[in-house]
């Protein structure tokens, strides 16, 4: 062990209470994070990552001594506060990523895939097949374009703007309306991603309706269901490359929502 590592351990030991508060915010930050959040990542890996980031932040000089009520309850309340700060930032990312599940649900209802679903280990629920495809495509693009670097920068920035123990959460109307705004964006993103497929299926429905009027004896259900499945698959194949263009809109939206949430929690 070199001298630098020894000094880091000494700093952690001398500031154990401060290090614990940093660690709790990082854990809250990682808990809903895509790819490694929920049950996706190994627990020990997340704890190790949180400990490493906490050590870097502690020795970076971005945090200062914290003043709190000198008893267990005062320190415990501060731990809860820091956990919620990290969780709020993390949940923004989770909410934006989860909007593609809403997209998949709408698409599957139209195409006919709603009877099939897959298990999501993060939410412990059944999710639509198309939504799962969109979700993992979004995760892959996010990592390939170094979106995780943006998230790490955001957590470092949070310590400059939201010093430990100074965040404003309880009774914060700005934070409440910010959450409402995130929910609105959730539905907007979902409809935006699903609109092309829904439009194609709507055209198929209109065409089938005209065909039924022209050929009354034709069984529209026998023809319509497989036709929707085939056309839906072709539409997904054509539109999926465009998904990368929509990704940049999501990337900017995540950055904007994180910055806004940090601003409204500032003292």
C-alpha atoms as a PDB file:
ATOM      1  CA  UNK A   1       0.000   0.000   0.000  1.00  0.00           C
ATOM      2  CA  UNK A   2       1.504   3.315  -1.062  1.00  0.00           C
ATOM      3  CA  UNK A   3       1.493   6.565   0.875  1.00  0.00           C
ATOM      4  CA  UNK A   4      -1.463   7.985  -1.092  1.00  0.00           C
ATOM      5  CA  UNK A   5      -3.733   5.062  -0.256  1.00  0.00           C
ATOM      6  CA  UNK A   6      -2.670   5.236   3.380  1.00  0.00           C
ATOM      7  CA  UNK A   7      -3.567   8.937   3.528  1.00  0.00           C
ATOM      8  CA  UNK A   8      -7.004   8.231   2.042  1.00  0.00           C
ATOM      9  CA  UNK A   9      -7.680   5.590   4.710  1.00  0.00           C
ATOM     10  CA  UNK A  10      -6.536   8.016   7.413  1.00  0.00           C
ATOM     11  CA  UNK A  11      -8.884  10.713   6.055  1.00  0.00           C
ATOM     12  CA  UNK A  12     -11.789   8.248   6.022  1.00  0.00           C
ATOM     13  CA  UNK A  13     -11.026   7.119   9.580  1.00  0.00           C
ATOM     14  CA  UNK A  14     -10.725  10.693  10.878  1.00  0.00           C
ATOM     15  CA  UNK A  15     -13.955  11.751   9.140  1.00  0.00           C
ATOM     16  CA  UNK A  16     -15.981   8.560   9.525  1.00  0.00           C
ATOM     17  CA  UNK A  17     -19.263  10.380  10.203  1.00  0.00           C
ATOM     18  CA  UNK A  18     -18.824  12.603   7.150  1.00  0.00           C
ATOM     19  CA  UNK A  19     -17.799   9.648   4.980  1.00  0.00           C
ATOM     20  CA  UNK A  20     -20.924   7.752   6.046  1.00  0.00           C
ATOM     21  CA  UNK A  21     -23.151  10.659   4.993  1.00  0.00           C
ATOM     22  CA  UNK A  22     -21.444  10.821   1.593  1.00  0.00           C
ATOM     23  CA  UNK A  23     -21.762   7.050   1.228  1.00  0.00           C
ATOM     24  CA  UNK A  24     -25.503   7.115   1.976  1.00  0.00           C
ATOM     25  CA  UNK A  25     -26.190   9.707  -0.738  1.00  0.00           C
ATOM     26  CA  UNK A  26     -24.222   7.637  -3.260  1.00  0.00           C
ATOM     27  CA  UNK A  27     -26.145   4.476  -2.292  1.00  0.00           C
ATOM     28  CA  UNK A  28     -29.414   6.370  -2.786  1.00  0.00           C
ATOM     29  CA  UNK A  29     -28.078   7.529  -6.143  1.00  0.00           C
ATOM     30  CA  UNK A  30     -27.275   3.965  -7.275  1.00  0.00           C
ATOM     31  CA  UNK A  31     -30.444   2.294  -6.027  1.00  0.00           C
ATOM     32  CA  UNK A  32     -32.689   3.228  -8.990  1.00  0.00           C
ATOM     33  CA  UNK A  33     -29.935   3.620 -11.560  1.00  0.00           C
ATOM     34  CA  UNK A  34     -30.512   1.821 -14.890  1.00  0.00           C
ATOM     35  CA  UNK A  35     -28.299  -1.183 -15.709  1.00  0.00           C
ATOM     36  CA  UNK A  36     -26.993  -1.622 -12.138  1.00  0.00           C
ATOM     37  CA  UNK A  37     -30.007  -0.457 -10.123  1.00  0.00           C
ATOM     38  CA  UNK A  38     -32.550  -2.671  -8.382  1.00  0.00           C
ATOM     39  CA  UNK A  39     -31.713  -6.365  -8.621  1.00  0.00           C
ATOM     40  CA  UNK A  40     -29.738  -5.962 -11.850  1.00  0.00           C
ATOM     41  CA  UNK A  41     -26.324  -5.404 -10.300  1.00  0.00           C
ATOM     42  CA  UNK A  42     -24.390  -7.398  -7.722  1.00  0.00           C
ATOM     43  CA  UNK A  43     -24.946  -5.873  -4.280  1.00  0.00           C
ATOM     44  CA  UNK A  44     -21.266  -6.048  -3.311  1.00  0.00           C
ATOM     45  CA  UNK A  45     -20.316  -4.355  -6.584  1.00  0.00           C
ATOM     46  CA  UNK A  46     -22.679  -1.450  -5.881  1.00  0.00           C
ATOM     47  CA  UNK A  47     -21.417  -1.119  -2.310  1.00  0.00           C
ATOM     48  CA  UNK A  48     -17.806  -1.180  -3.502  1.00  0.00           C
ATOM     49  CA  UNK A  49     -18.545   1.421  -6.179  1.00  0.00           C
ATOM     50  CA  UNK A  50     -20.309   3.630  -3.635  1.00  0.00           C
ATOM     51  CA  UNK A  51     -17.375   3.334  -1.211  1.00  0.00           C
ATOM     52  CA  UNK A  52     -14.870   4.243  -3.949  1.00  0.00           C
ATOM     53  CA  UNK A  53     -16.849   7.279  -5.141  1.00  0.00           C
ATOM     54  CA  UNK A  54     -17.395   8.385  -1.531  1.00  0.00           C
ATOM     55  CA  UNK A  55     -13.651   8.222  -0.853  1.00  0.00           C
ATOM     56  CA  UNK A  56     -12.939  10.338  -3.948  1.00  0.00           C
ATOM     57  CA  UNK A  57     -15.530  12.937  -2.943  1.00  0.00           C
ATOM     58  CA  UNK A  58     -14.278  13.047   0.656  1.00  0.00           C
ATOM     59  CA  UNK A  59     -10.692  13.723  -0.435  1.00  0.00           C
ATOM     60  CA  UNK A  60     -11.654  16.111  -3.254  1.00  0.00           C
ATOM     61  CA  UNK A  61     -12.396  19.010  -0.929  1.00  0.00           C
ATOM     62  CA  UNK A  62     -15.972  19.435  -2.213  1.00  0.00           C
ATOM     63  CA  UNK A  63     -17.482  18.624   1.187  1.00  0.00           C
ATOM     64  CA  UNK A  64     -17.106  20.445   4.469  1.00  0.00           C
ATOM     65  CA  UNK A  65     -17.772  19.660   8.103  1.00  0.00           C
ATOM     66  CA  UNK A  66     -21.419  19.065   8.907  1.00  0.00           C
ATOM     67  CA  UNK A  67     -23.213  20.610  11.850  1.00  0.00           C
ATOM     68  CA  UNK A  68     -25.992  18.439  13.258  1.00  0.00           C
ATOM     69  CA  UNK A  69     -27.699  17.699  16.556  1.00  0.00           C
ATOM     70  CA  UNK A  70     -25.096  15.805  18.549  1.00  0.00           C
ATOM     71  CA  UNK A  71     -27.116  12.658  19.178  1.00  0.00           C
ATOM     72  CA  UNK A  72     -28.069   9.465  17.362  1.00  0.00           C
ATOM     73  CA  UNK A  73     -31.478  10.745  16.256  1.00  0.00           C
ATOM     74  CA  UNK A  74     -30.022  13.926  14.754  1.00  0.00           C
ATOM     75  CA  UNK A  75     -27.426  11.950  12.817  1.00  0.00           C
ATOM     76  CA  UNK A  76     -30.022   9.385  11.699  1.00  0.00           C
ATOM     77  CA  UNK A  77     -32.296  12.129  10.334  1.00  0.00           C
ATOM     78  CA  UNK A  78     -29.333  13.532   8.413  1.00  0.00           C
ATOM     79  CA  UNK A  79     -28.648  10.073   6.954  1.00  0.00           C
ATOM     80  CA  UNK A  80     -32.264   9.836   5.760  1.00  0.00           C
ATOM     81  CA  UNK A  81     -32.038  13.295   4.218  1.00  0.00           C
ATOM     82  CA  UNK A  82     -28.879  12.451   2.279  1.00  0.00           C
ATOM     83  CA  UNK A  83     -30.345   9.156   1.111  1.00  0.00           C
ATOM     84  CA  UNK A  84     -33.400  10.935  -0.288  1.00  0.00           C
ATOM     85  CA  UNK A  85     -31.230  13.480  -2.124  1.00  0.00           C
ATOM     86  CA  UNK A  86     -29.413  10.681  -3.955  1.00  0.00           C
ATOM     87  CA  UNK A  87     -32.613   8.705  -4.523  1.00  0.00           C
ATOM     88  CA  UNK A  88     -34.424  11.717  -6.022  1.00  0.00           C
ATOM     89  CA  UNK A  89     -31.641  12.273  -8.571  1.00  0.00           C
ATOM     90  CA  UNK A  90     -31.545   8.554  -9.363  1.00  0.00           C
ATOM     91  CA  UNK A  91     -35.311   8.254  -9.659  1.00  0.00           C
ATOM     92  CA  UNK A  92     -35.386  10.956 -12.336  1.00  0.00           C
ATOM     93  CA  UNK A  93     -33.180   8.787 -14.553  1.00  0.00           C
ATOM     94  CA  UNK A  94     -35.218   5.684 -13.698  1.00  0.00           C
ATOM     95  CA  UNK A  95     -38.474   7.468 -14.533  1.00  0.00           C
ATOM     96  CA  UNK A  96     -37.224   8.642 -17.941  1.00  0.00           C
ATOM     97  CA  UNK A  97     -35.898   5.181 -18.797  1.00  0.00           C
ATOM     98  CA  UNK A  98     -39.136   3.555 -17.636  1.00  0.00           C
ATOM     99  CA  UNK A  99     -41.126   5.695 -20.070  1.00  0.00           C
ATOM    100  CA  UNK A 100     -40.112   3.284 -22.849  1.00  0.00           C
ATOM    101  CA  UNK A 101     -42.002   0.535 -20.992  1.00  0.00           C
ATOM    102  CA  UNK A 102     -45.093   2.711 -21.338  1.00  0.00           C
ATOM    103  CA  UNK A 103     -44.244   2.960 -25.045  1.00  0.00           C
ATOM    104  CA  UNK A 104     -43.926  -0.811 -25.287  1.00  0.00           C
ATOM    105  CA  UNK A 105     -47.251  -1.335 -23.524  1.00  0.00           C
ATOM    106  CA  UNK A 106     -49.090   0.875 -26.023  1.00  0.00           C
ATOM    107  CA  UNK A 107     -47.357  -0.760 -29.004  1.00  0.00           C
ATOM    108  CA  UNK A 108     -47.980  -4.302 -27.757  1.00  0.00           C
ATOM    109  CA  UNK A 109     -51.667  -3.542 -27.227  1.00  0.00           C
ATOM    110  CA  UNK A 110     -51.946  -2.498 -30.877  1.00  0.00           C
ATOM    111  CA  UNK A 111     -49.770  -5.195 -32.456  1.00  0.00           C
ATOM    112  CA  UNK A 112     -51.008  -8.080 -30.316  1.00  0.00           C
ATOM    113  CA  UNK A 113     -47.945  -8.807 -28.166  1.00  0.00           C
ATOM    114  CA  UNK A 114     -49.675  -7.861 -24.929  1.00  0.00           C
ATOM    115  CA  UNK A 115     -50.326 -11.532 -24.139  1.00  0.00           C
ATOM    116  CA  UNK A 116     -46.565 -12.094 -23.939  1.00  0.00           C
ATOM    117  CA  UNK A 117     -44.413 -10.345 -21.343  1.00  0.00           C
ATOM    118  CA  UNK A 118     -41.046 -10.733 -19.633  1.00  0.00           C
ATOM    119  CA  UNK A 119     -39.985 -10.384 -16.003  1.00  0.00           C
ATOM    120  CA  UNK A 120     -38.211  -7.173 -15.018  1.00  0.00           C
ATOM    121  CA  UNK A 121     -35.834  -7.736 -12.058  1.00  0.00           C
ATOM    122  CA  UNK A 122     -35.726  -4.012 -11.200  1.00  0.00           C
ATOM    123  CA  UNK A 123     -39.451  -3.493 -10.610  1.00  0.00           C
ATOM    124  CA  UNK A 124     -40.240  -7.190  -9.984  1.00  0.00           C
ATOM    125  CA  UNK A 125     -43.118  -6.986 -12.455  1.00  0.00           C
ATOM    126  CA  UNK A 126     -44.017  -8.296 -15.896  1.00  0.00           C
ATOM    127  CA  UNK A 127     -43.084  -5.815 -18.635  1.00  0.00           C
ATOM    128  CA  UNK A 128     -44.022  -5.708 -22.341  1.00  0.00           C
ATOM    129  CA  UNK A 129     -41.730  -7.376 -24.868  1.00  0.00           C
ATOM    130  CA  UNK A 130     -41.378  -4.272 -27.038  1.00  0.00           C
ATOM    131  CA  UNK A 131     -40.786  -2.121 -23.967  1.00  0.00           C
ATOM    132  CA  UNK A 132     -37.993  -4.455 -22.895  1.00  0.00           C
ATOM    133  CA  UNK A 133     -36.411  -4.148 -26.352  1.00  0.00           C
ATOM    134  CA  UNK A 134     -36.575  -0.346 -26.171  1.00  0.00           C
ATOM    135  CA  UNK A 135     -35.291  -0.294 -22.595  1.00  0.00           C
ATOM    136  CA  UNK A 136     -32.153  -2.333 -23.260  1.00  0.00           C
ATOM    137  CA  UNK A 137     -31.526  -0.443 -26.502  1.00  0.00           C
ATOM    138  CA  UNK A 138     -31.690   2.790 -24.521  1.00  0.00           C
ATOM    139  CA  UNK A 139     -29.331   1.401 -21.860  1.00  0.00           C
ATOM    140  CA  UNK A 140     -26.834   0.335 -24.540  1.00  0.00           C
ATOM    141  CA  UNK A 141     -26.912   3.744 -26.240  1.00  0.00           C
ATOM    142  CA  UNK A 142     -26.621   5.472 -22.875  1.00  0.00           C
ATOM    143  CA  UNK A 143     -23.442   3.576 -21.977  1.00  0.00           C
ATOM    144  CA  UNK A 144     -21.920   3.793 -25.472  1.00  0.00           C
ATOM    145  CA  UNK A 145     -22.372   7.579 -25.449  1.00  0.00           C
ATOM    146  CA  UNK A 146     -20.863   7.849 -21.942  1.00  0.00           C
ATOM    147  CA  UNK A 147     -24.102   8.792 -20.281  1.00  0.00           C
ATOM    148  CA  UNK A 148     -22.780   7.245 -17.066  1.00  0.00           C
ATOM    149  CA  UNK A 149     -20.056   9.928 -17.070  1.00  0.00           C
ATOM    150  CA  UNK A 150     -22.794  12.561 -17.058  1.00  0.00           C
ATOM    151  CA  UNK A 151     -24.452  10.892 -14.060  1.00  0.00           C
ATOM    152  CA  UNK A 152     -21.188  10.725 -12.098  1.00  0.00           C
ATOM    153  CA  UNK A 153     -20.600  14.414 -12.898  1.00  0.00           C
ATOM    154  CA  UNK A 154     -24.130  15.140 -11.666  1.00  0.00           C
ATOM    155  CA  UNK A 155     -23.521  13.488  -8.287  1.00  0.00           C
ATOM    156  CA  UNK A 156     -20.248  15.418  -7.890  1.00  0.00           C
ATOM    157  CA  UNK A 157     -22.058  18.624  -8.831  1.00  0.00           C
ATOM    158  CA  UNK A 158     -24.735  17.878  -6.241  1.00  0.00           C
ATOM    159  CA  UNK A 159     -22.145  18.174  -3.450  1.00  0.00           C
ATOM    160  CA  UNK A 160     -21.175  21.644  -4.651  1.00  0.00           C
ATOM    161  CA  UNK A 161     -24.764  22.864  -4.945  1.00  0.00           C
ATOM    162  CA  UNK A 162     -26.281  20.804  -2.111  1.00  0.00           C
ATOM    163  CA  UNK A 163     -23.820  20.625   0.791  1.00  0.00           C
ATOM    164  CA  UNK A 164     -24.450  17.768   3.193  1.00  0.00           C
ATOM    165  CA  UNK A 165     -27.326  18.577   5.512  1.00  0.00           C
ATOM    166  CA  UNK A 166     -28.281  21.747   3.612  1.00  0.00           C
ATOM    167  CA  UNK A 167     -30.748  20.336   1.071  1.00  0.00           C
ATOM    168  CA  UNK A 168     -34.367  21.517   1.161  1.00  0.00           C
ATOM    169  CA  UNK A 169     -36.755  18.554   0.788  1.00  0.00           C
ATOM    170  CA  UNK A 170     -39.629  18.606   3.293  1.00  0.00           C
ATOM    171  CA  UNK A 171     -42.305  21.153   2.374  1.00  0.00           C
ATOM    172  CA  UNK A 172     -40.558  22.019  -0.897  1.00  0.00           C
ATOM    173  CA  UNK A 173     -43.278  23.051  -3.354  1.00  0.00           C
ATOM    174  CA  UNK A 174     -40.735  23.422  -6.157  1.00  0.00           C
ATOM    175  CA  UNK A 175     -39.704  19.797  -5.726  1.00  0.00           C
ATOM    176  CA  UNK A 176     -43.347  18.697  -5.753  1.00  0.00           C
ATOM    177  CA  UNK A 177     -44.093  20.520  -9.013  1.00  0.00           C
ATOM    178  CA  UNK A 178     -40.811  19.201 -10.419  1.00  0.00           C
ATOM    179  CA  UNK A 179     -42.031  15.644  -9.819  1.00  0.00           C
ATOM    180  CA  UNK A 180     -45.317  16.517 -11.559  1.00  0.00           C
ATOM    181  CA  UNK A 181     -43.300  17.834 -14.510  1.00  0.00           C
ATOM    182  CA  UNK A 182     -41.327  14.564 -14.657  1.00  0.00           C
ATOM    183  CA  UNK A 183     -44.593  12.606 -14.781  1.00  0.00           C
ATOM    184  CA  UNK A 184     -45.784  14.790 -17.668  1.00  0.00           C
ATOM    185  CA  UNK A 185     -42.522  14.135 -19.514  1.00  0.00           C
ATOM    186  CA  UNK A 186     -43.011  10.407 -18.845  1.00  0.00           C
ATOM    187  CA  UNK A 187     -46.240  10.370 -20.852  1.00  0.00           C
ATOM    188  CA  UNK A 188     -44.893  12.712 -23.535  1.00  0.00           C
ATOM    189  CA  UNK A 189     -41.878  10.465 -24.167  1.00  0.00           C
ATOM    190  CA  UNK A 190     -44.053   7.358 -24.162  1.00  0.00           C
ATOM    191  CA  UNK A 191     -46.455   8.768 -26.759  1.00  0.00           C
ATOM    192  CA  UNK A 192     -43.603  10.167 -28.875  1.00  0.00           C
ATOM    193  CA  UNK A 193     -41.874   6.798 -29.149  1.00  0.00           C
ATOM    194  CA  UNK A 194     -45.106   4.863 -29.755  1.00  0.00           C
ATOM    195  CA  UNK A 195     -46.722   7.257 -32.229  1.00  0.00           C
ATOM    196  CA  UNK A 196     -45.107   5.892 -35.454  1.00  0.00           C
ATOM    197  CA  UNK A 197     -46.104   2.284 -34.711  1.00  0.00           C
ATOM    198  CA  UNK A 198     -49.602   3.262 -33.576  1.00  0.00           C
ATOM    199  CA  UNK A 199     -49.984   5.304 -36.776  1.00  0.00           C
ATOM    200  CA  UNK A 200     -49.041   2.315 -38.937  1.00  0.00           C
ATOM    201  CA  UNK A 201     -51.469   0.009 -37.096  1.00  0.00           C
ATOM    202  CA  UNK A 202     -54.215   2.639 -37.408  1.00  0.00           C
ATOM    203  CA  UNK A 203     -53.736   2.646 -41.191  1.00  0.00           C
ATOM    204  CA  UNK A 204     -54.009  -1.170 -41.164  1.00  0.00           C
ATOM    205  CA  UNK A 205     -57.251  -0.962 -39.156  1.00  0.00           C
ATOM    206  CA  UNK A 206     -58.727   1.535 -41.622  1.00  0.00           C
ATOM    207  CA  UNK A 207     -57.669  -0.639 -44.576  1.00  0.00           C
ATOM    208  CA  UNK A 208     -59.232  -3.714 -42.977  1.00  0.00           C
ATOM    209  CA  UNK A 209     -62.433  -1.774 -42.332  1.00  0.00           C
ATOM    210  CA  UNK A 210     -62.659  -0.778 -45.991  1.00  0.00           C
ATOM    211  CA  UNK A 211     -61.877  -4.369 -47.025  1.00  0.00           C
ATOM    212  CA  UNK A 212     -64.657  -5.753 -44.826  1.00  0.00           C
ATOM    213  CA  UNK A 213     -67.155  -3.396 -46.458  1.00  0.00           C
ATOM    214  CA  UNK A 214     -65.970  -4.542 -49.887  1.00  0.00           C
ATOM    215  CA  UNK A 215     -65.901  -8.257 -48.970  1.00  0.00           C
ATOM    216  CA  UNK A 216     -68.511  -8.766 -46.211  1.00  0.00           C
ATOM    217  CA  UNK A 217     -67.937 -12.519 -45.935  1.00  0.00           C
ATOM    218  CA  UNK A 218     -64.241 -12.119 -45.099  1.00  0.00           C
ATOM    219  CA  UNK A 219     -63.291 -12.958 -41.490  1.00  0.00           C
ATOM    220  CA  UNK A 220     -61.439  -9.808 -40.451  1.00  0.00           C
ATOM    221  CA  UNK A 221     -60.079 -11.380 -37.254  1.00  0.00           C
ATOM    222  CA  UNK A 222     -58.396 -14.239 -39.107  1.00  0.00           C
ATOM    223  CA  UNK A 223     -56.741 -11.823 -41.545  1.00  0.00           C
ATOM    224  CA  UNK A 224     -56.210  -8.865 -39.219  1.00  0.00           C
ATOM    225  CA  UNK A 225     -54.282 -10.429 -36.335  1.00  0.00           C
ATOM    226  CA  UNK A 226     -51.409 -12.000 -38.310  1.00  0.00           C
ATOM    227  CA  UNK A 227     -51.298  -8.950 -40.591  1.00  0.00           C
ATOM    228  CA  UNK A 228     -50.856  -6.635 -37.602  1.00  0.00           C
ATOM    229  CA  UNK A 229     -48.097  -8.817 -36.178  1.00  0.00           C
ATOM    230  CA  UNK A 230     -46.170  -8.898 -39.467  1.00  0.00           C
ATOM    231  CA  UNK A 231     -46.615  -5.193 -40.233  1.00  0.00           C
ATOM    232  CA  UNK A 232     -45.793  -4.314 -36.619  1.00  0.00           C
ATOM    233  CA  UNK A 233     -42.518  -6.243 -36.785  1.00  0.00           C
ATOM    234  CA  UNK A 234     -41.590  -4.577 -40.080  1.00  0.00           C
ATOM    235  CA  UNK A 235     -42.432  -1.147 -38.637  1.00  0.00           C
ATOM    236  CA  UNK A 236     -40.264  -1.842 -35.570  1.00  0.00           C
ATOM    237  CA  UNK A 237     -37.403  -2.940 -37.835  1.00  0.00           C
ATOM    238  CA  UNK A 238     -37.671   0.294 -39.850  1.00  0.00           C
ATOM    239  CA  UNK A 239     -38.145   2.659 -36.895  1.00  0.00           C
ATOM    240  CA  UNK A 240     -35.630   1.169 -34.438  1.00  0.00           C
ATOM    241  CA  UNK A 241     -32.603   2.864 -36.118  1.00  0.00           C
ATOM    242  CA  UNK A 242     -34.363   6.216 -35.636  1.00  0.00           C
ATOM    243  CA  UNK A 243     -34.426   5.393 -31.925  1.00  0.00           C
ATOM    244  CA  UNK A 244     -30.794   6.541 -31.678  1.00  0.00           C
ATOM    245  CA  UNK A 245     -31.842  10.022 -32.812  1.00  0.00           C
ATOM    246  CA  UNK A 246     -34.570  10.195 -30.181  1.00  0.00           C
ATOM    247  CA  UNK A 247     -31.991   9.091 -27.610  1.00  0.00           C
ATOM    248  CA  UNK A 248     -30.232  12.460 -27.729  1.00  0.00           C
ATOM    249  CA  UNK A 249     -33.482  14.156 -26.815  1.00  0.00           C
ATOM    250  CA  UNK A 250     -33.749  11.872 -23.789  1.00  0.00           C
ATOM    251  CA  UNK A 251     -30.108  12.523 -22.874  1.00  0.00           C
ATOM    252  CA  UNK A 252     -30.679  16.286 -22.833  1.00  0.00           C
ATOM    253  CA  UNK A 253     -33.945  15.831 -20.947  1.00  0.00           C
ATOM    254  CA  UNK A 254     -32.238  13.782 -18.209  1.00  0.00           C
ATOM    255  CA  UNK A 255     -29.528  16.454 -17.813  1.00  0.00           C
ATOM    256  CA  UNK A 256     -32.137  19.216 -17.636  1.00  0.00           C
ATOM    257  CA  UNK A 257     -34.337  17.411 -15.103  1.00  0.00           C
ATOM    258  CA  UNK A 258     -31.379  16.548 -12.850  1.00  0.00           C
ATOM    259  CA  UNK A 259     -30.123  20.151 -12.853  1.00  0.00           C
ATOM    260  CA  UNK A 260     -33.628  21.461 -12.138  1.00  0.00           C
ATOM    261  CA  UNK A 261     -34.116  19.011  -9.263  1.00  0.00           C
ATOM    262  CA  UNK A 262     -30.789  20.033  -7.718  1.00  0.00           C
ATOM    263  CA  UNK A 263     -31.701  23.719  -8.053  1.00  0.00           C
ATOM    264  CA  UNK A 264     -35.076  23.339  -6.329  1.00  0.00           C
ATOM    265  CA  UNK A 265     -33.436  21.457  -3.430  1.00  0.00           C
ATOM    266  CA  UNK A 266     -30.825  24.173  -2.906  1.00  0.00           C
ATOM    267  CA  UNK A 267     -31.105  25.976   0.449  1.00  0.00           C
END
